[in-house]
N, C-alpha and C. Protein backbone atom coordinates (compact mmCIF):
# COMPACT_ATOMS: atom_id res chain seq x y z
N MET A 1 11.56 -9.59 17.94
CA MET A 1 11.45 -10.98 18.25
C MET A 1 12.68 -11.36 19.08
N ALA A 2 12.51 -12.08 20.17
CA ALA A 2 13.63 -12.44 21.04
C ALA A 2 13.82 -13.95 21.02
N PHE A 3 15.07 -14.35 21.03
CA PHE A 3 15.41 -15.76 21.04
C PHE A 3 16.31 -16.02 22.24
N SER A 4 16.18 -17.19 22.82
CA SER A 4 17.02 -17.58 23.95
C SER A 4 18.29 -18.22 23.41
N VAL A 5 19.46 -17.80 23.93
CA VAL A 5 20.72 -18.38 23.47
C VAL A 5 21.33 -19.33 24.49
N GLY A 6 20.77 -19.41 25.67
CA GLY A 6 21.30 -20.33 26.68
C GLY A 6 20.71 -21.72 26.51
N GLU A 7 21.37 -22.74 27.13
CA GLU A 7 20.84 -24.09 27.03
C GLU A 7 19.80 -24.30 28.11
N SER A 8 18.83 -25.04 27.78
CA SER A 8 17.78 -25.31 28.75
C SER A 8 17.51 -26.81 28.75
N ASN A 9 17.32 -27.35 29.93
CA ASN A 9 17.02 -28.79 30.00
C ASN A 9 15.59 -28.98 30.47
N GLY A 10 14.72 -28.23 29.87
CA GLY A 10 13.32 -28.41 30.22
C GLY A 10 12.94 -27.65 31.47
N GLY A 11 13.73 -26.72 31.91
CA GLY A 11 13.41 -25.95 33.09
C GLY A 11 13.81 -26.64 34.39
N ASN A 12 14.47 -27.79 34.34
CA ASN A 12 14.85 -28.53 35.52
C ASN A 12 16.33 -28.30 35.78
N SER A 13 16.66 -27.57 36.81
CA SER A 13 18.06 -27.23 37.05
C SER A 13 18.68 -28.08 38.16
N ARG A 14 18.07 -29.11 38.66
CA ARG A 14 18.65 -29.91 39.75
C ARG A 14 19.56 -31.01 39.24
N PHE A 15 19.76 -31.16 37.93
CA PHE A 15 20.65 -32.17 37.41
C PHE A 15 22.07 -31.67 37.24
N GLY A 16 22.40 -30.61 37.86
CA GLY A 16 23.78 -30.16 37.87
C GLY A 16 24.05 -29.00 36.94
N ARG A 17 23.18 -28.72 36.06
CA ARG A 17 23.41 -27.57 35.19
C ARG A 17 22.56 -26.42 35.68
N ARG A 18 23.23 -25.33 35.86
CA ARG A 18 22.50 -24.12 36.24
C ARG A 18 22.30 -23.28 35.00
N PHE A 19 21.19 -22.73 34.90
CA PHE A 19 20.90 -21.84 33.79
C PHE A 19 21.56 -20.52 34.10
N ARG A 20 22.49 -20.11 33.29
CA ARG A 20 23.34 -18.96 33.57
C ARG A 20 22.66 -17.62 33.35
N GLY A 21 21.52 -17.54 32.80
CA GLY A 21 20.86 -16.27 32.50
C GLY A 21 20.40 -16.28 31.06
N THR A 22 19.46 -15.50 30.81
CA THR A 22 18.95 -15.47 29.44
C THR A 22 19.54 -14.30 28.70
N GLY A 23 20.09 -14.60 27.60
CA GLY A 23 20.55 -13.56 26.70
C GLY A 23 19.59 -13.53 25.53
N THR A 24 19.28 -12.37 25.04
CA THR A 24 18.36 -12.30 23.91
C THR A 24 19.12 -11.90 22.66
N LEU A 25 18.70 -12.43 21.60
CA LEU A 25 19.30 -12.14 20.31
C LEU A 25 18.32 -11.23 19.56
N SER A 26 18.71 -9.99 19.42
CA SER A 26 17.83 -9.01 18.76
C SER A 26 18.39 -8.71 17.39
N GLU A 27 17.71 -9.16 16.39
CA GLU A 27 18.08 -8.88 15.02
C GLU A 27 16.85 -8.41 14.27
N ILE A 28 17.07 -7.53 13.34
CA ILE A 28 15.99 -7.07 12.49
C ILE A 28 15.90 -8.02 11.31
N ASN A 29 14.73 -8.53 11.10
CA ASN A 29 14.51 -9.39 9.96
C ASN A 29 14.28 -8.49 8.75
N ILE A 30 15.24 -8.47 7.83
CA ILE A 30 15.15 -7.54 6.72
C ILE A 30 14.43 -8.11 5.50
N VAL A 31 14.05 -9.35 5.53
CA VAL A 31 13.37 -9.95 4.38
C VAL A 31 12.05 -9.23 4.09
N PRO A 32 11.19 -8.97 5.09
CA PRO A 32 9.96 -8.23 4.78
C PRO A 32 10.24 -6.81 4.29
N LEU A 33 11.28 -6.20 4.82
CA LEU A 33 11.65 -4.85 4.38
C LEU A 33 12.06 -4.86 2.91
N VAL A 34 12.86 -5.82 2.52
CA VAL A 34 13.29 -5.94 1.13
C VAL A 34 12.08 -6.23 0.23
N ASP A 35 11.17 -7.07 0.69
CA ASP A 35 9.97 -7.36 -0.09
C ASP A 35 9.15 -6.10 -0.34
N VAL A 36 8.95 -5.32 0.68
CA VAL A 36 8.17 -4.09 0.54
C VAL A 36 8.87 -3.11 -0.39
N VAL A 37 10.17 -2.96 -0.25
CA VAL A 37 10.92 -2.04 -1.10
C VAL A 37 10.86 -2.49 -2.56
N LEU A 38 10.98 -3.77 -2.82
CA LEU A 38 10.89 -4.26 -4.19
C LEU A 38 9.50 -4.06 -4.78
N VAL A 39 8.47 -4.26 -3.99
CA VAL A 39 7.12 -4.04 -4.48
C VAL A 39 6.91 -2.56 -4.80
N LEU A 40 7.39 -1.67 -3.93
CA LEU A 40 7.29 -0.24 -4.20
C LEU A 40 8.08 0.15 -5.45
N LEU A 41 9.23 -0.45 -5.64
CA LEU A 41 10.03 -0.16 -6.83
C LEU A 41 9.29 -0.59 -8.10
N ILE A 42 8.67 -1.76 -8.06
CA ILE A 42 7.92 -2.24 -9.22
C ILE A 42 6.73 -1.33 -9.50
N ILE A 43 6.02 -0.93 -8.45
CA ILE A 43 4.89 -0.03 -8.63
C ILE A 43 5.35 1.29 -9.23
N PHE A 44 6.44 1.83 -8.74
CA PHE A 44 6.97 3.08 -9.27
C PHE A 44 7.36 2.93 -10.74
N MET A 45 8.01 1.83 -11.07
CA MET A 45 8.44 1.62 -12.46
C MET A 45 7.24 1.50 -13.39
N LEU A 46 6.16 0.89 -12.94
CA LEU A 46 4.99 0.72 -13.79
C LEU A 46 4.20 2.02 -13.95
N THR A 47 4.19 2.86 -12.93
CA THR A 47 3.39 4.08 -13.00
C THR A 47 4.17 5.31 -13.41
N ALA A 48 5.47 5.24 -13.49
CA ALA A 48 6.27 6.43 -13.80
C ALA A 48 5.98 6.95 -15.21
N HIS A 49 5.79 6.05 -16.16
CA HIS A 49 5.54 6.51 -17.52
C HIS A 49 4.13 7.06 -17.69
N VAL A 50 3.23 6.76 -16.78
CA VAL A 50 1.87 7.27 -16.86
C VAL A 50 1.78 8.70 -16.33
N MET A 51 2.63 9.01 -15.38
CA MET A 51 2.60 10.33 -14.77
C MET A 51 3.11 11.38 -15.76
N GLU A 52 2.34 12.45 -15.91
CA GLU A 52 2.75 13.54 -16.77
C GLU A 52 2.79 14.79 -15.92
N PHE A 53 3.81 15.59 -16.15
CA PHE A 53 3.95 16.80 -15.38
C PHE A 53 3.58 17.99 -16.24
N GLY A 54 2.79 18.88 -15.71
CA GLY A 54 2.42 20.08 -16.44
C GLY A 54 1.18 19.87 -17.29
N LEU A 55 0.84 20.91 -18.01
CA LEU A 55 -0.32 20.87 -18.89
C LEU A 55 0.11 20.44 -20.28
N GLU A 56 -0.74 19.70 -20.93
CA GLU A 56 -0.45 19.30 -22.30
C GLU A 56 -1.21 20.22 -23.24
N ILE A 57 -0.49 21.18 -23.78
CA ILE A 57 -1.09 22.14 -24.69
C ILE A 57 -0.30 22.11 -25.98
N ASP A 58 -1.01 21.84 -27.06
CA ASP A 58 -0.41 21.76 -28.38
C ASP A 58 -0.60 23.12 -29.06
N VAL A 59 0.41 23.99 -28.96
CA VAL A 59 0.30 25.34 -29.51
C VAL A 59 0.36 25.29 -31.03
N PRO A 60 -0.23 26.29 -31.70
CA PRO A 60 -0.22 26.30 -33.16
C PRO A 60 1.18 26.44 -33.73
N GLN A 61 1.37 25.94 -34.95
CA GLN A 61 2.65 26.04 -35.63
C GLN A 61 2.61 27.21 -36.61
N VAL A 62 3.69 27.98 -36.64
CA VAL A 62 3.81 29.10 -37.57
C VAL A 62 5.18 29.05 -38.24
N ARG A 63 5.35 29.85 -39.27
CA ARG A 63 6.62 29.83 -40.00
C ARG A 63 7.73 30.55 -39.26
N GLN A 64 7.44 31.69 -38.66
CA GLN A 64 8.46 32.46 -37.97
C GLN A 64 8.20 32.43 -36.48
N VAL A 65 9.22 32.09 -35.73
CA VAL A 65 9.11 32.04 -34.28
C VAL A 65 10.24 32.85 -33.69
N LYS A 66 9.90 33.70 -32.74
CA LYS A 66 10.91 34.52 -32.07
C LYS A 66 11.18 33.90 -30.70
N ASP A 67 12.43 33.54 -30.44
CA ASP A 67 12.80 32.97 -29.15
C ASP A 67 13.04 34.09 -28.15
N THR A 68 12.53 33.90 -26.95
CA THR A 68 12.78 34.86 -25.88
C THR A 68 13.21 34.09 -24.65
N ALA A 69 13.94 34.76 -23.79
CA ALA A 69 14.41 34.14 -22.56
C ALA A 69 13.86 34.85 -21.34
N GLU A 70 12.79 35.63 -21.52
CA GLU A 70 12.23 36.37 -20.41
C GLU A 70 11.41 35.44 -19.51
N ASP A 71 11.44 35.71 -18.23
CA ASP A 71 10.67 34.94 -17.27
C ASP A 71 9.39 35.72 -16.98
N LEU A 72 8.32 35.35 -17.67
CA LEU A 72 7.05 36.07 -17.55
C LEU A 72 5.95 35.12 -17.12
N PRO A 73 4.82 35.65 -16.64
CA PRO A 73 3.68 34.79 -16.34
C PRO A 73 3.14 34.15 -17.61
N VAL A 74 2.63 32.94 -17.47
CA VAL A 74 2.09 32.19 -18.61
C VAL A 74 0.64 31.83 -18.33
N ILE A 75 -0.24 32.25 -19.21
CA ILE A 75 -1.64 31.85 -19.12
C ILE A 75 -1.84 30.76 -20.15
N SER A 76 -2.25 29.58 -19.70
CA SER A 76 -2.46 28.43 -20.57
C SER A 76 -3.95 28.20 -20.73
N ILE A 77 -4.37 27.96 -21.96
CA ILE A 77 -5.78 27.69 -22.25
C ILE A 77 -5.85 26.32 -22.91
N THR A 78 -6.59 25.40 -22.31
CA THR A 78 -6.70 24.04 -22.82
C THR A 78 -7.77 23.95 -23.91
N LYS A 79 -7.90 22.77 -24.52
CA LYS A 79 -8.89 22.55 -25.58
C LYS A 79 -10.31 22.87 -25.10
N ASP A 80 -10.60 22.50 -23.85
CA ASP A 80 -11.94 22.72 -23.32
C ASP A 80 -12.07 24.06 -22.59
N ALA A 81 -11.20 25.01 -22.90
CA ALA A 81 -11.26 26.40 -22.43
C ALA A 81 -11.01 26.56 -20.93
N LYS A 82 -10.31 25.64 -20.31
CA LYS A 82 -9.90 25.82 -18.92
C LYS A 82 -8.64 26.67 -18.91
N MET A 83 -8.55 27.59 -17.96
CA MET A 83 -7.43 28.52 -17.94
C MET A 83 -6.57 28.32 -16.69
N TYR A 84 -5.27 28.46 -16.91
CA TYR A 84 -4.30 28.26 -15.84
C TYR A 84 -3.29 29.40 -15.89
N LEU A 85 -2.89 29.88 -14.73
CA LEU A 85 -1.82 30.86 -14.62
C LEU A 85 -0.63 30.15 -14.00
N ASN A 86 0.39 29.88 -14.81
CA ASN A 86 1.58 29.13 -14.40
C ASN A 86 1.21 27.81 -13.74
N GLY A 87 0.25 27.09 -14.32
CA GLY A 87 -0.13 25.76 -13.85
C GLY A 87 -1.21 25.75 -12.80
N THR A 88 -1.64 26.91 -12.30
CA THR A 88 -2.68 26.98 -11.28
C THR A 88 -3.98 27.43 -11.93
N PRO A 89 -5.09 26.72 -11.69
CA PRO A 89 -6.35 27.13 -12.30
C PRO A 89 -6.73 28.56 -11.89
N VAL A 90 -7.26 29.30 -12.85
CA VAL A 90 -7.62 30.69 -12.59
C VAL A 90 -8.93 30.99 -13.33
N ASN A 91 -9.74 31.84 -12.72
CA ASN A 91 -10.99 32.29 -13.31
C ASN A 91 -10.69 33.39 -14.31
N ILE A 92 -11.41 33.42 -15.42
CA ILE A 92 -11.13 34.41 -16.46
C ILE A 92 -11.34 35.84 -15.95
N ASN A 93 -12.26 36.02 -15.01
CA ASN A 93 -12.53 37.35 -14.48
C ASN A 93 -11.44 37.82 -13.52
N GLU A 94 -10.59 36.92 -13.05
CA GLU A 94 -9.55 37.27 -12.10
C GLU A 94 -8.15 37.21 -12.69
N ILE A 95 -8.04 37.02 -14.01
CA ILE A 95 -6.72 36.85 -14.62
C ILE A 95 -5.84 38.06 -14.38
N GLY A 96 -6.34 39.25 -14.66
CA GLY A 96 -5.55 40.46 -14.50
C GLY A 96 -5.10 40.69 -13.07
N THR A 97 -6.02 40.52 -12.13
CA THR A 97 -5.66 40.75 -10.72
C THR A 97 -4.71 39.68 -10.22
N GLN A 98 -4.88 38.43 -10.67
CA GLN A 98 -3.97 37.37 -10.24
C GLN A 98 -2.56 37.58 -10.78
N VAL A 99 -2.46 38.04 -12.04
CA VAL A 99 -1.13 38.31 -12.62
C VAL A 99 -0.47 39.44 -11.83
N ARG A 100 -1.22 40.50 -11.54
CA ARG A 100 -0.66 41.63 -10.76
C ARG A 100 -0.28 41.20 -9.34
N LYS A 101 -1.06 40.29 -8.78
CA LYS A 101 -0.80 39.83 -7.41
C LYS A 101 0.45 38.94 -7.34
N ARG A 102 0.60 38.01 -8.29
CA ARG A 102 1.73 37.07 -8.26
C ARG A 102 3.00 37.63 -8.88
N PHE A 103 2.84 38.47 -9.91
CA PHE A 103 4.00 39.02 -10.62
C PHE A 103 3.86 40.54 -10.61
N ARG A 104 4.38 41.15 -9.59
CA ARG A 104 4.17 42.59 -9.35
C ARG A 104 4.68 43.48 -10.48
N ASN A 105 5.83 43.20 -11.04
CA ASN A 105 6.44 44.07 -12.03
C ASN A 105 6.20 43.63 -13.47
N ALA A 106 5.31 42.68 -13.68
CA ALA A 106 5.08 42.15 -15.03
C ALA A 106 4.33 43.17 -15.88
N THR A 107 4.82 43.35 -17.10
CA THR A 107 4.11 44.20 -18.07
C THR A 107 3.67 43.37 -19.27
N LYS A 108 4.22 42.18 -19.42
CA LYS A 108 3.89 41.28 -20.52
C LYS A 108 3.48 39.92 -19.95
N VAL A 109 2.61 39.23 -20.67
CA VAL A 109 2.13 37.93 -20.25
C VAL A 109 2.11 37.00 -21.47
N TYR A 110 2.65 35.79 -21.32
CA TYR A 110 2.56 34.79 -22.38
C TYR A 110 1.17 34.19 -22.37
N VAL A 111 0.56 34.07 -23.53
CA VAL A 111 -0.73 33.40 -23.67
C VAL A 111 -0.47 32.17 -24.53
N GLN A 112 -0.69 31.01 -23.94
CA GLN A 112 -0.41 29.73 -24.60
C GLN A 112 -1.74 28.99 -24.72
N ALA A 113 -2.26 28.88 -25.94
CA ALA A 113 -3.54 28.22 -26.15
C ALA A 113 -3.35 27.00 -27.04
N ASP A 114 -4.13 25.98 -26.77
CA ASP A 114 -4.08 24.77 -27.59
C ASP A 114 -4.55 25.11 -29.00
N ALA A 115 -4.00 24.44 -29.99
CA ALA A 115 -4.34 24.72 -31.38
C ALA A 115 -5.81 24.44 -31.68
N LEU A 116 -6.45 23.57 -30.92
CA LEU A 116 -7.85 23.21 -31.15
C LEU A 116 -8.83 24.06 -30.33
N THR A 117 -8.32 25.02 -29.58
CA THR A 117 -9.17 25.89 -28.78
C THR A 117 -9.91 26.86 -29.69
N ILE A 118 -11.19 27.07 -29.40
CA ILE A 118 -11.92 28.08 -30.17
C ILE A 118 -11.40 29.45 -29.79
N PHE A 119 -11.60 30.45 -30.65
CA PHE A 119 -10.97 31.74 -30.46
C PHE A 119 -11.59 32.56 -29.34
N ASP A 120 -12.85 32.34 -29.00
CA ASP A 120 -13.53 33.17 -28.01
C ASP A 120 -12.80 33.24 -26.66
N PRO A 121 -12.38 32.11 -26.04
CA PRO A 121 -11.66 32.23 -24.76
C PRO A 121 -10.33 32.97 -24.91
N ILE A 122 -9.67 32.81 -26.04
CA ILE A 122 -8.40 33.50 -26.25
C ILE A 122 -8.65 35.00 -26.33
N ALA A 123 -9.69 35.40 -27.05
CA ALA A 123 -10.03 36.82 -27.16
C ALA A 123 -10.42 37.40 -25.80
N GLN A 124 -11.13 36.63 -24.99
CA GLN A 124 -11.52 37.11 -23.66
C GLN A 124 -10.29 37.33 -22.77
N VAL A 125 -9.33 36.41 -22.85
CA VAL A 125 -8.10 36.55 -22.06
C VAL A 125 -7.32 37.78 -22.51
N ILE A 126 -7.19 37.96 -23.83
CA ILE A 126 -6.47 39.13 -24.34
C ILE A 126 -7.17 40.41 -23.92
N SER A 127 -8.50 40.41 -23.92
CA SER A 127 -9.26 41.58 -23.48
C SER A 127 -9.03 41.88 -22.00
N GLN A 128 -9.05 40.82 -21.17
CA GLN A 128 -8.81 41.01 -19.73
C GLN A 128 -7.41 41.56 -19.48
N LEU A 129 -6.43 41.05 -20.22
CA LEU A 129 -5.06 41.54 -20.06
C LEU A 129 -4.95 42.99 -20.50
N GLY A 130 -5.67 43.37 -21.57
CA GLY A 130 -5.67 44.75 -22.04
C GLY A 130 -6.25 45.70 -21.01
N GLU A 131 -7.29 45.27 -20.30
CA GLU A 131 -7.89 46.10 -19.25
C GLU A 131 -6.91 46.36 -18.12
N GLU A 132 -6.02 45.41 -17.86
CA GLU A 132 -5.02 45.55 -16.79
C GLU A 132 -3.73 46.19 -17.29
N LYS A 133 -3.71 46.64 -18.54
CA LYS A 133 -2.53 47.25 -19.16
C LYS A 133 -1.36 46.27 -19.23
N LEU A 134 -1.66 45.01 -19.52
CA LEU A 134 -0.65 43.98 -19.70
C LEU A 134 -0.59 43.61 -21.18
N THR A 135 0.60 43.43 -21.71
CA THR A 135 0.78 43.09 -23.12
C THR A 135 0.79 41.57 -23.29
N PRO A 136 -0.15 41.03 -24.09
CA PRO A 136 -0.16 39.57 -24.31
C PRO A 136 0.85 39.19 -25.39
N LEU A 137 1.60 38.13 -25.15
CA LEU A 137 2.52 37.56 -26.12
C LEU A 137 2.03 36.14 -26.43
N ILE A 138 1.72 35.87 -27.68
CA ILE A 138 1.16 34.58 -28.07
C ILE A 138 2.29 33.56 -28.25
N VAL A 139 2.15 32.40 -27.64
CA VAL A 139 3.15 31.33 -27.72
C VAL A 139 2.82 30.43 -28.90
N THR A 140 3.82 30.21 -29.76
CA THR A 140 3.67 29.31 -30.91
C THR A 140 4.90 28.42 -30.99
N LYS A 141 4.88 27.47 -31.92
CA LYS A 141 6.07 26.65 -32.16
C LYS A 141 6.35 26.64 -33.65
N PRO A 142 7.61 26.43 -34.04
CA PRO A 142 7.96 26.51 -35.46
C PRO A 142 7.43 25.30 -36.23
N MET A 143 7.14 25.53 -37.50
CA MET A 143 6.74 24.44 -38.39
C MET A 143 7.96 23.61 -38.71
N GLU A 144 7.75 22.35 -39.03
CA GLU A 144 8.85 21.48 -39.40
C GLU A 144 9.52 22.00 -40.66
N GLY A 145 10.85 22.12 -40.64
CA GLY A 145 11.61 22.53 -41.81
C GLY A 145 11.70 24.02 -42.01
N SER A 146 11.07 24.82 -41.17
CA SER A 146 11.18 26.27 -41.35
C SER A 146 12.38 26.80 -40.60
N PRO A 147 13.04 27.84 -41.12
CA PRO A 147 14.22 28.38 -40.43
C PRO A 147 13.80 29.10 -39.15
N ARG A 148 14.65 29.00 -38.14
CA ARG A 148 14.38 29.65 -36.86
C ARG A 148 15.03 31.00 -36.82
N ARG A 149 14.33 31.98 -36.32
CA ARG A 149 14.88 33.32 -36.17
C ARG A 149 15.13 33.58 -34.70
N ARG A 150 16.10 34.41 -34.44
CA ARG A 150 16.40 34.80 -33.06
C ARG A 150 16.34 36.28 -32.94
């Protein structure tokens, strides 16, 4: 938006005043920018608690849990038997080949199944891993009040 900073007498310069030239005043109006930023901030604040990262799998609780720090592939099985390899959907028939493709030197695979999952998909995954000569490690969490082993 440009504004004139010189004086004008209606465009009539014969009364002794000469119009010296037009200077323009260029400023960015930041009010709309601030409004947009505040609206985006409010939207982000309202939706941030709704966003969840990762899969929500409630693994079964057991008395003894062994902690490991190995970085291995993780096969997650949801309540409705959907399977994921490290967060990416995978077909049960391709689990072994996908693990070999993404993790070349892996000999063990974590299997993380929801506590409400029926056993059949878990057994199928363990069978597929056995065919590929991969060792399945079942992921669990400790029961409340039970001692942790390392």
